[in-house]
All heavy atoms as atom14 arrays in JSON, in Angstrom:
{
  "sequence": "HAAHALLKIDTPISKIRGRVHDFRGGIKLIPTFHPAFLLR",
  "atom14_mask": [
    [1, 1, 1, 1, 1, 1, 1, 1, 1, 1, 0, 0, 0, 0],
    [1, 1, 1, 1, 1, 0, 0, 0, 0, 0, 0, 0, 0, 0],
    [1, 1, 1, 1, 1, 0, 0, 0, 0, 0, 0, 0, 0, 0],
    [1, 1, 1, 1, 1, 1, 1, 1, 1, 1, 0, 0, 0, 0],
    [1, 1, 1, 1, 1, 0, 0, 0, 0, 0, 0, 0, 0, 0],
    [1, 1, 1, 1, 1, 1, 1, 1, 0, 0, 0, 0, 0, 0],
    [1, 1, 1, 1, 1, 1, 1, 1, 0, 0, 0, 0, 0, 0],
    [1, 1, 1, 1, 1, 1, 1, 1, 1, 0, 0, 0, 0, 0],
    [1, 1, 1, 1, 1, 1, 1, 1, 0, 0, 0, 0, 0, 0],
    [1, 1, 1, 1, 1, 1, 1, 1, 0, 0, 0, 0, 0, 0],
    [1, 1, 1, 1, 1, 1, 1, 0, 0, 0, 0, 0, 0, 0],
    [1, 1, 1, 1, 1, 1, 1, 0, 0, 0, 0, 0, 0, 0],
    [1, 1, 1, 1, 1, 1, 1, 1, 0, 0, 0, 0, 0, 0],
    [1, 1, 1, 1, 1, 1, 0, 0, 0, 0, 0, 0, 0, 0],
    [1, 1, 1, 1, 1, 1, 1, 1, 1, 0, 0, 0, 0, 0],
    [1, 1, 1, 1, 1, 1, 1, 1, 0, 0, 0, 0, 0, 0],
    [1, 1, 1, 1, 1, 1, 1, 1, 1, 1, 1, 0, 0, 0],
    [1, 1, 1, 1, 0, 0, 0, 0, 0, 0, 0, 0, 0, 0],
    [1, 1, 1, 1, 1, 1, 1, 1, 1, 1, 1, 0, 0, 0],
    [1, 1, 1, 1, 1, 1, 1, 0, 0, 0, 0, 0, 0, 0],
    [1, 1, 1, 1, 1, 1, 1, 1, 1, 1, 0, 0, 0, 0],
    [1, 1, 1, 1, 1, 1, 1, 1, 0, 0, 0, 0, 0, 0],
    [1, 1, 1, 1, 1, 1, 1, 1, 1, 1, 1, 0, 0, 0],
    [1, 1, 1, 1, 1, 1, 1, 1, 1, 1, 1, 0, 0, 0],
    [1, 1, 1, 1, 0, 0, 0, 0, 0, 0, 0, 0, 0, 0],
    [1, 1, 1, 1, 0, 0, 0, 0, 0, 0, 0, 0, 0, 0],
    [1, 1, 1, 1, 1, 1, 1, 1, 0, 0, 0, 0, 0, 0],
    [1, 1, 1, 1, 1, 1, 1, 1, 1, 0, 0, 0, 0, 0],
    [1, 1, 1, 1, 1, 1, 1, 1, 0, 0, 0, 0, 0, 0],
    [1, 1, 1, 1, 1, 1, 1, 1, 0, 0, 0, 0, 0, 0],
    [1, 1, 1, 1, 1, 1, 1, 0, 0, 0, 0, 0, 0, 0],
    [1, 1, 1, 1, 1, 1, 1, 0, 0, 0, 0, 0, 0, 0],
    [1, 1, 1, 1, 1, 1, 1, 1, 1, 1, 1, 0, 0, 0],
    [1, 1, 1, 1, 1, 1, 1, 1, 1, 1, 0, 0, 0, 0],
    [1, 1, 1, 1, 1, 1, 1, 0, 0, 0, 0, 0, 0, 0],
    [1, 1, 1, 1, 1, 0, 0, 0, 0, 0, 0, 0, 0, 0],
    [1, 1, 1, 1, 1, 1, 1, 1, 1, 1, 1, 0, 0, 0],
    [1, 1, 1, 1, 1, 1, 1, 1, 0, 0, 0, 0, 0, 0],
    [1, 1, 1, 1, 1, 1, 1, 1, 0, 0, 0, 0, 0, 0],
    [1, 1, 1, 1, 1, 1, 1, 1, 1, 1, 1, 0, 0, 0]
  ],
  "atom14_positions": [
    [[0.82, -1.21, -0.01], [0.0, -0.01, 0.0], [0.85, 1.27, -0.02], [0.53, 2.24, -0.66], [-0.96, -0.02, 1.2], [-1.95, -1.15, 1.12], [-3.03, -1.11, 0.27], [-2.03, -2.32, 1.76], [-3.73, -2.25, 0.41], [-3.17, -2.97, 1.34], [0.0, 0.0, 0.0], [0.0, 0.0, 0.0], [0.0, 0.0, 0.0], [0.0, 0.0, 0.0]],
    [[1.98, 1.24, 0.71], [2.85, 2.42, 0.73], [3.48, 2.61, -0.65], [3.5, 3.74, -1.18], [3.93, 2.24, 1.81], [0.0, 0.0, 0.0], [0.0, 0.0, 0.0], [0.0, 0.0, 0.0], [0.0, 0.0, 0.0], [0.0, 0.0, 0.0], [0.0, 0.0, 0.0], [0.0, 0.0, 0.0], [0.0, 0.0, 0.0], [0.0, 0.0, 0.0]],
    [[3.97, 1.52, -1.25], [4.54, 1.61, -2.57], [3.57, 2.09, -3.62], [3.89, 2.95, -4.47], [5.13, 0.27, -2.96], [0.0, 0.0, 0.0], [0.0, 0.0, 0.0], [0.0, 0.0, 0.0], [0.0, 0.0, 0.0], [0.0, 0.0, 0.0], [0.0, 0.0, 0.0], [0.0, 0.0, 0.0], [0.0, 0.0, 0.0], [0.0, 0.0, 0.0]],
    [[2.34, 1.57, -3.57], [1.35, 1.92, -4.56], [0.94, 3.43, -4.4], [0.75, 4.16, -5.38], [0.1, 1.06, -4.44], [0.35, -0.33, -4.94], [-0.63, -1.29, -4.96], [1.44, -0.92, -5.47], [-0.13, -2.43, -5.45], [1.13, -2.21, -5.75], [0.0, 0.0, 0.0], [0.0, 0.0, 0.0], [0.0, 0.0, 0.0], [0.0, 0.0, 0.0]],
    [[0.8, 3.86, -3.15], [0.41, 5.25, -2.91], [1.46, 6.22, -3.34], [1.18, 7.28, -3.93], [0.08, 5.45, -1.43], [0.0, 0.0, 0.0], [0.0, 0.0, 0.0], [0.0, 0.0, 0.0], [0.0, 0.0, 0.0], [0.0, 0.0, 0.0], [0.0, 0.0, 0.0], [0.0, 0.0, 0.0], [0.0, 0.0, 0.0], [0.0, 0.0, 0.0]],
    [[2.74, 5.88, -3.13], [3.81, 6.8, -3.44], [4.14, 6.79, -4.95], [4.35, 7.85, -5.57], [5.08, 6.44, -2.66], [4.99, 6.68, -1.16], [6.15, 6.05, -0.48], [4.96, 8.19, -0.87], [0.0, 0.0, 0.0], [0.0, 0.0, 0.0], [0.0, 0.0, 0.0], [0.0, 0.0, 0.0], [0.0, 0.0, 0.0], [0.0, 0.0, 0.0]],
    [[4.17, 5.65, -5.56], [4.55, 5.52, -6.97], [3.41, 5.58, -7.96], [3.57, 5.63, -9.16], [5.3, 4.21, -7.15], [6.66, 4.1, -6.41], [7.25, 2.7, -6.58], [7.63, 5.15, -6.92], [0.0, 0.0, 0.0], [0.0, 0.0, 0.0], [0.0, 0.0, 0.0], [0.0, 0.0, 0.0], [0.0, 0.0, 0.0], [0.0, 0.0, 0.0]],
    [[2.16, 5.51, -7.42], [0.97, 5.51, -8.25], [0.99, 4.34, -9.28], [0.76, 4.54, -10.49], [0.82, 6.86, -9.01], [0.72, 8.03, -8.04], [-0.45, 7.87, -7.1], [-0.5, 8.96, -6.06], [-1.51, 8.72, -5.01], [0.0, 0.0, 0.0], [0.0, 0.0, 0.0], [0.0, 0.0, 0.0], [0.0, 0.0, 0.0], [0.0, 0.0, 0.0]],
    [[1.3, 3.18, -8.8], [1.27, 2.0, -9.6], [0.5, 0.9, -8.84], [0.18, 1.09, -7.68], [2.69, 1.49, -9.9], [3.46, 1.2, -8.61], [3.49, 2.51, -10.75], [4.82, 0.6, -8.82], [0.0, 0.0, 0.0], [0.0, 0.0, 0.0], [0.0, 0.0, 0.0], [0.0, 0.0, 0.0], [0.0, 0.0, 0.0], [0.0, 0.0, 0.0]],
    [[0.23, -0.23, -9.56], [-0.44, -1.31, -8.84], [0.32, -2.62, -9.03], [-0.23, -3.71, -8.9], [-1.88, -1.48, -9.34], [-2.0, -1.67, -10.84], [-0.97, -1.78, -11.5], [-3.14, -1.7, -11.36], [0.0, 0.0, 0.0], [0.0, 0.0, 0.0], [0.0, 0.0, 0.0], [0.0, 0.0, 0.0], [0.0, 0.0, 0.0], [0.0, 0.0, 0.0]],
    [[1.58, -2.5, -9.37], [2.44, -3.7, -9.55], [2.66, -4.37, -8.18], [2.86, -3.69, -7.16], [3.8, -3.31, -10.11], [3.58, -2.51, -11.28], [4.59, -4.56, -10.48], [0.0, 0.0, 0.0], [0.0, 0.0, 0.0], [0.0, 0.0, 0.0], [0.0, 0.0, 0.0], [0.0, 0.0, 0.0], [0.0, 0.0, 0.0], [0.0, 0.0, 0.0]],
    [[2.58, -5.7, -8.11], [2.8, -6.4, -6.83], [4.16, -6.05, -6.2], [5.13, -5.85, -6.94], [2.75, -7.88, -7.21], [1.9, -7.93, -8.46], [2.22, -6.64, -9.18], [0.0, 0.0, 0.0], [0.0, 0.0, 0.0], [0.0, 0.0, 0.0], [0.0, 0.0, 0.0], [0.0, 0.0, 0.0], [0.0, 0.0, 0.0], [0.0, 0.0, 0.0]],
    [[4.18, -5.92, -4.89], [5.39, -5.55, -4.21], [6.52, -6.54, -4.48], [7.7, -6.13, -4.54], [5.15, -5.43, -2.68], [6.37, -4.86, -1.96], [4.74, -6.77, -2.11], [6.64, -3.43, -2.25], [0.0, 0.0, 0.0], [0.0, 0.0, 0.0], [0.0, 0.0, 0.0], [0.0, 0.0, 0.0], [0.0, 0.0, 0.0], [0.0, 0.0, 0.0]],
    [[6.17, -7.79, -4.71], [7.22, -8.8, -4.97], [7.96, -8.51, -6.26], [9.11, -8.96, -6.45], [6.59, -10.18, -5.03], [5.62, -10.25, -6.07], [0.0, 0.0, 0.0], [0.0, 0.0, 0.0], [0.0, 0.0, 0.0], [0.0, 0.0, 0.0], [0.0, 0.0, 0.0], [0.0, 0.0, 0.0], [0.0, 0.0, 0.0], [0.0, 0.0, 0.0]],
    [[7.35, -7.78, -7.18], [8.0, -7.5, -8.47], [8.74, -6.11, -8.49], [9.54, -5.88, -9.37], [6.96, -7.46, -9.6], [6.34, -8.83, -9.86], [5.41, -8.82, -11.05], [4.78, -10.14, -11.31], [5.78, -11.22, -11.56], [0.0, 0.0, 0.0], [0.0, 0.0, 0.0], [0.0, 0.0, 0.0], [0.0, 0.0, 0.0], [0.0, 0.0, 0.0]],
    [[8.49, -5.26, -7.48], [9.14, -3.95, -7.5], [10.06, -3.78, -6.33], [10.82, -2.79, -6.29], [8.07, -2.82, -7.52], [7.18, -2.92, -6.3], [7.29, -2.82, -8.79], [6.24, -1.72, -6.14], [0.0, 0.0, 0.0], [0.0, 0.0, 0.0], [0.0, 0.0, 0.0], [0.0, 0.0, 0.0], [0.0, 0.0, 0.0], [0.0, 0.0, 0.0]],
    [[10.08, -4.67, -5.36], [10.93, -4.5, -4.19], [12.4, -4.52, -4.61], [12.84, -5.2, -5.56], [10.72, -5.6, -3.15], [10.83, -7.04, -3.68], [11.44, -7.96, -2.63], [12.84, -7.68, -2.42], [13.82, -8.3, -3.09], [13.56, -9.21, -4.01], [15.07, -7.98, -2.84], [0.0, 0.0, 0.0], [0.0, 0.0, 0.0], [0.0, 0.0, 0.0]],
    [[13.15, -3.68, -3.97], [14.57, -3.57, -4.22], [14.95, -2.71, -5.41], [16.14, -2.39, -5.61], [0.0, 0.0, 0.0], [0.0, 0.0, 0.0], [0.0, 0.0, 0.0], [0.0, 0.0, 0.0], [0.0, 0.0, 0.0], [0.0, 0.0, 0.0], [0.0, 0.0, 0.0], [0.0, 0.0, 0.0], [0.0, 0.0, 0.0], [0.0, 0.0, 0.0]],
    [[14.0, -2.27, -6.2], [14.3, -1.41, -7.38], [14.36, 0.05, -6.9], [13.58, 0.46, -6.03], [13.24, -1.55, -8.46], [13.2, -2.93, -9.05], [12.16, -3.0, -10.2], [12.01, -4.34, -10.76], [11.18, -4.62, -11.73], [10.44, -3.71, -12.3], [11.09, -5.89, -12.17], [0.0, 0.0, 0.0], [0.0, 0.0, 0.0], [0.0, 0.0, 0.0]],
    [[15.28, 0.82, -7.48], [15.43, 2.2, -7.12], [14.61, 3.07, -8.08], [14.84, 2.98, -9.29], [16.92, 2.61, -7.12], [17.07, 4.07, -6.73], [17.74, 1.73, -6.22], [0.0, 0.0, 0.0], [0.0, 0.0, 0.0], [0.0, 0.0, 0.0], [0.0, 0.0, 0.0], [0.0, 0.0, 0.0], [0.0, 0.0, 0.0], [0.0, 0.0, 0.0]],
    [[13.73, 3.88, -7.5], [12.87, 4.77, -8.3], [13.2, 6.2, -8.0], [13.46, 6.53, -6.86], [11.37, 4.49, -7.96], [10.92, 3.08, -8.21], [10.2, 2.7, -9.32], [11.07, 1.97, -7.42], [9.92, 1.41, -9.28], [10.46, 0.94, -8.11], [0.0, 0.0, 0.0], [0.0, 0.0, 0.0], [0.0, 0.0, 0.0], [0.0, 0.0, 0.0]],
    [[13.19, 7.05, -9.03], [13.3, 8.49, -8.79], [11.98, 9.04, -8.37], [10.92, 8.72, -8.93], [13.74, 9.23, -10.09], [15.23, 8.91, -10.42], [16.02, 8.8, -9.47], [15.54, 8.76, -11.61], [0.0, 0.0, 0.0], [0.0, 0.0, 0.0], [0.0, 0.0, 0.0], [0.0, 0.0, 0.0], [0.0, 0.0, 0.0], [0.0, 0.0, 0.0]],
    [[11.97, 9.86, -7.33], [10.71, 10.34, -6.73], [10.86, 11.78, -6.26], [11.82, 12.16, -5.62], [10.44, 9.45, -5.53], [9.18, 9.77, -4.78], [7.94, 9.46, -5.32], [9.23, 10.36, -3.54], [6.76, 9.78, -4.62], [8.1, 10.69, -2.84], [6.85, 10.38, -3.39], [0.0, 0.0, 0.0], [0.0, 0.0, 0.0], [0.0, 0.0, 0.0]],
    [[9.9, 12.59, -6.71], [9.75, 14.0, -6.21], [11.08, 14.77, -6.29], [11.56, 15.28, -5.3], [9.18, 14.01, -4.81], [7.71, 13.77, -4.79], [7.13, 13.83, -3.37], [6.59, 15.13, -3.01], [5.46, 15.67, -3.44], [4.69, 14.99, -4.26], [5.06, 16.84, -3.01], [0.0, 0.0, 0.0], [0.0, 0.0, 0.0], [0.0, 0.0, 0.0]],
    [[11.6, 14.87, -7.47], [12.73, 15.74, -7.69], [14.06, 15.29, -7.11], [14.75, 16.1, -6.46], [0.0, 0.0, 0.0], [0.0, 0.0, 0.0], [0.0, 0.0, 0.0], [0.0, 0.0, 0.0], [0.0, 0.0, 0.0], [0.0, 0.0, 0.0], [0.0, 0.0, 0.0], [0.0, 0.0, 0.0], [0.0, 0.0, 0.0], [0.0, 0.0, 0.0]],
    [[14.37, 14.02, -7.27], [15.75, 13.57, -6.88], [15.8, 12.67, -5.7], [16.88, 12.09, -5.41], [0.0, 0.0, 0.0], [0.0, 0.0, 0.0], [0.0, 0.0, 0.0], [0.0, 0.0, 0.0], [0.0, 0.0, 0.0], [0.0, 0.0, 0.0], [0.0, 0.0, 0.0], [0.0, 0.0, 0.0], [0.0, 0.0, 0.0], [0.0, 0.0, 0.0]],
    [[14.7, 12.4, -5.05], [14.7, 11.41, -3.93], [14.74, 10.02, -4.53], [14.06, 9.75, -5.52], [13.47, 11.6, -3.03], [13.45, 13.01, -2.41], [13.41, 10.53, -1.96], [12.18, 13.33, -1.64], [0.0, 0.0, 0.0], [0.0, 0.0, 0.0], [0.0, 0.0, 0.0], [0.0, 0.0, 0.0], [0.0, 0.0, 0.0], [0.0, 0.0, 0.0]],
    [[15.5, 9.12, -3.91], [15.54, 7.73, -4.32], [14.53, 6.95, -3.48], [14.58, 7.02, -2.24], [16.92, 7.15, -4.17], [18.0, 7.87, -4.96], [17.71, 7.82, -6.45], [18.84, 8.48, -7.23], [18.53, 8.54, -8.7], [0.0, 0.0, 0.0], [0.0, 0.0, 0.0], [0.0, 0.0, 0.0], [0.0, 0.0, 0.0], [0.0, 0.0, 0.0]],
    [[13.63, 6.2, -4.11], [12.61, 5.49, -3.4], [12.81, 3.98, -3.66], [12.89, 3.57, -4.85], [11.23, 5.93, -3.81], [10.04, 5.38, -3.01], [8.91, 6.41, -2.97], [9.54, 4.05, -3.53], [0.0, 0.0, 0.0], [0.0, 0.0, 0.0], [0.0, 0.0, 0.0], [0.0, 0.0, 0.0], [0.0, 0.0, 0.0], [0.0, 0.0, 0.0]],
    [[12.87, 3.19, -2.62], [13.06, 1.76, -2.73], [11.92, 1.05, -2.0], [11.78, 1.17, -0.76], [14.4, 1.3, -2.17], [15.55, 1.98, -2.89], [14.55, -0.22, -2.2], [16.92, 1.6, -2.38], [0.0, 0.0, 0.0], [0.0, 0.0, 0.0], [0.0, 0.0, 0.0], [0.0, 0.0, 0.0], [0.0, 0.0, 0.0], [0.0, 0.0, 0.0]],
    [[11.08, 0.31, -2.71], [10.05, -0.47, -2.0], [10.64, -1.75, -1.44], [11.55, -2.33, -2.03], [9.01, -0.77, -3.12], [9.43, 0.05, -4.3], [10.89, 0.29, -4.14], [0.0, 0.0, 0.0], [0.0, 0.0, 0.0], [0.0, 0.0, 0.0], [0.0, 0.0, 0.0], [0.0, 0.0, 0.0], [0.0, 0.0, 0.0], [0.0, 0.0, 0.0]],
    [[10.09, -2.19, -0.35], [10.47, -3.51, 0.2], [9.28, -4.04, 0.98], [8.22, -3.39, 1.12], [11.69, -3.37, 1.14], [12.24, -4.7, 1.37], [11.4, -2.72, 2.45], [0.0, 0.0, 0.0], [0.0, 0.0, 0.0], [0.0, 0.0, 0.0], [0.0, 0.0, 0.0], [0.0, 0.0, 0.0], [0.0, 0.0, 0.0], [0.0, 0.0, 0.0]],
    [[9.41, -5.23, 1.51], [8.31, -5.85, 2.26], [8.09, -5.18, 3.6], [9.02, -4.66, 4.2], [8.61, -7.36, 2.51], [8.64, -8.21, 1.25], [9.77, -8.94, 0.93], [7.53, -8.25, 0.4], [9.8, -9.72, -0.21], [7.57, -9.02, -0.76], [8.7, -9.74, -1.08], [0.0, 0.0, 0.0], [0.0, 0.0, 0.0], [0.0, 0.0, 0.0]],
    [[6.84, -5.18, 4.03], [6.47, -4.58, 5.3], [6.93, -5.5, 6.41], [6.89, -6.73, 6.29], [4.9, -4.44, 5.34], [4.45, -3.54, 6.44], [4.43, -3.91, 7.77], [3.97, -2.25, 6.41], [3.95, -2.92, 8.49], [3.65, -1.93, 7.69], [0.0, 0.0, 0.0], [0.0, 0.0, 0.0], [0.0, 0.0, 0.0], [0.0, 0.0, 0.0]],
    [[7.43, -4.93, 7.55], [7.86, -5.79, 8.67], [6.76, -6.74, 9.15], [7.09, -7.85, 9.62], [8.23, -4.77, 9.74], [8.64, -3.56, 8.99], [7.7, -3.52, 7.77], [0.0, 0.0, 0.0], [0.0, 0.0, 0.0], [0.0, 0.0, 0.0], [0.0, 0.0, 0.0], [0.0, 0.0, 0.0], [0.0, 0.0, 0.0], [0.0, 0.0, 0.0]],
    [[5.51, -6.35, 9.1], [4.45, -7.25, 9.54], [4.39, -8.48, 8.64], [4.09, -9.58, 9.1], [3.07, -6.49, 9.5], [0.0, 0.0, 0.0], [0.0, 0.0, 0.0], [0.0, 0.0, 0.0], [0.0, 0.0, 0.0], [0.0, 0.0, 0.0], [0.0, 0.0, 0.0], [0.0, 0.0, 0.0], [0.0, 0.0, 0.0], [0.0, 0.0, 0.0]],
    [[4.65, -8.3, 7.35], [4.72, -9.43, 6.42], [5.9, -10.36, 6.79], [5.76, -11.6, 6.74], [4.84, -8.95, 4.98], [5.15, -10.02, 3.98], [4.13, -10.86, 3.57], [6.41, -10.19, 3.43], [4.39, -11.85, 2.63], [6.69, -11.18, 2.53], [5.62, -12.03, 2.1], [0.0, 0.0, 0.0], [0.0, 0.0, 0.0], [0.0, 0.0, 0.0]],
    [[6.99, -9.78, 7.23], [8.16, -10.59, 7.57], [7.88, -11.41, 8.84], [8.42, -12.53, 8.97], [9.36, -9.69, 7.81], [9.85, -8.86, 6.64], [11.07, -8.07, 7.01], [10.16, -9.79, 5.44], [0.0, 0.0, 0.0], [0.0, 0.0, 0.0], [0.0, 0.0, 0.0], [0.0, 0.0, 0.0], [0.0, 0.0, 0.0], [0.0, 0.0, 0.0]],
    [[7.03, -10.9, 9.7], [6.64, -11.66, 10.91], [5.89, -12.95, 10.52], [5.98, -13.98, 11.16], [5.85, -10.85, 11.85], [6.59, -9.67, 12.53], [5.61, -8.81, 13.33], [7.72, -10.17, 13.4], [0.0, 0.0, 0.0], [0.0, 0.0, 0.0], [0.0, 0.0, 0.0], [0.0, 0.0, 0.0], [0.0, 0.0, 0.0], [0.0, 0.0, 0.0]],
    [[5.15, -12.87, 9.41], [4.38, -14.05, 8.94], [5.2, -14.86, 8.0], [4.91, -16.05, 7.85], [3.1, -13.51, 8.23], [2.13, -12.73, 9.09], [0.85, -12.44, 8.37], [1.0, -11.73, 7.11], [0.97, -10.41, 6.96], [0.86, -9.63, 8.04], [1.1, -9.85, 5.81], [0.0, 0.0, 0.0], [0.0, 0.0, 0.0], [0.0, 0.0, 0.0]]
  ]
}
């Protein structure tokens, strides 16, 4: 949900995690799994 809201995409997190995206004028954005998912 965080990745989709920030990047305005609907690609599954498993396919975009670890990729570096340019965001809002030079910020680097990297999606990854949520810690709650890691607990499961």
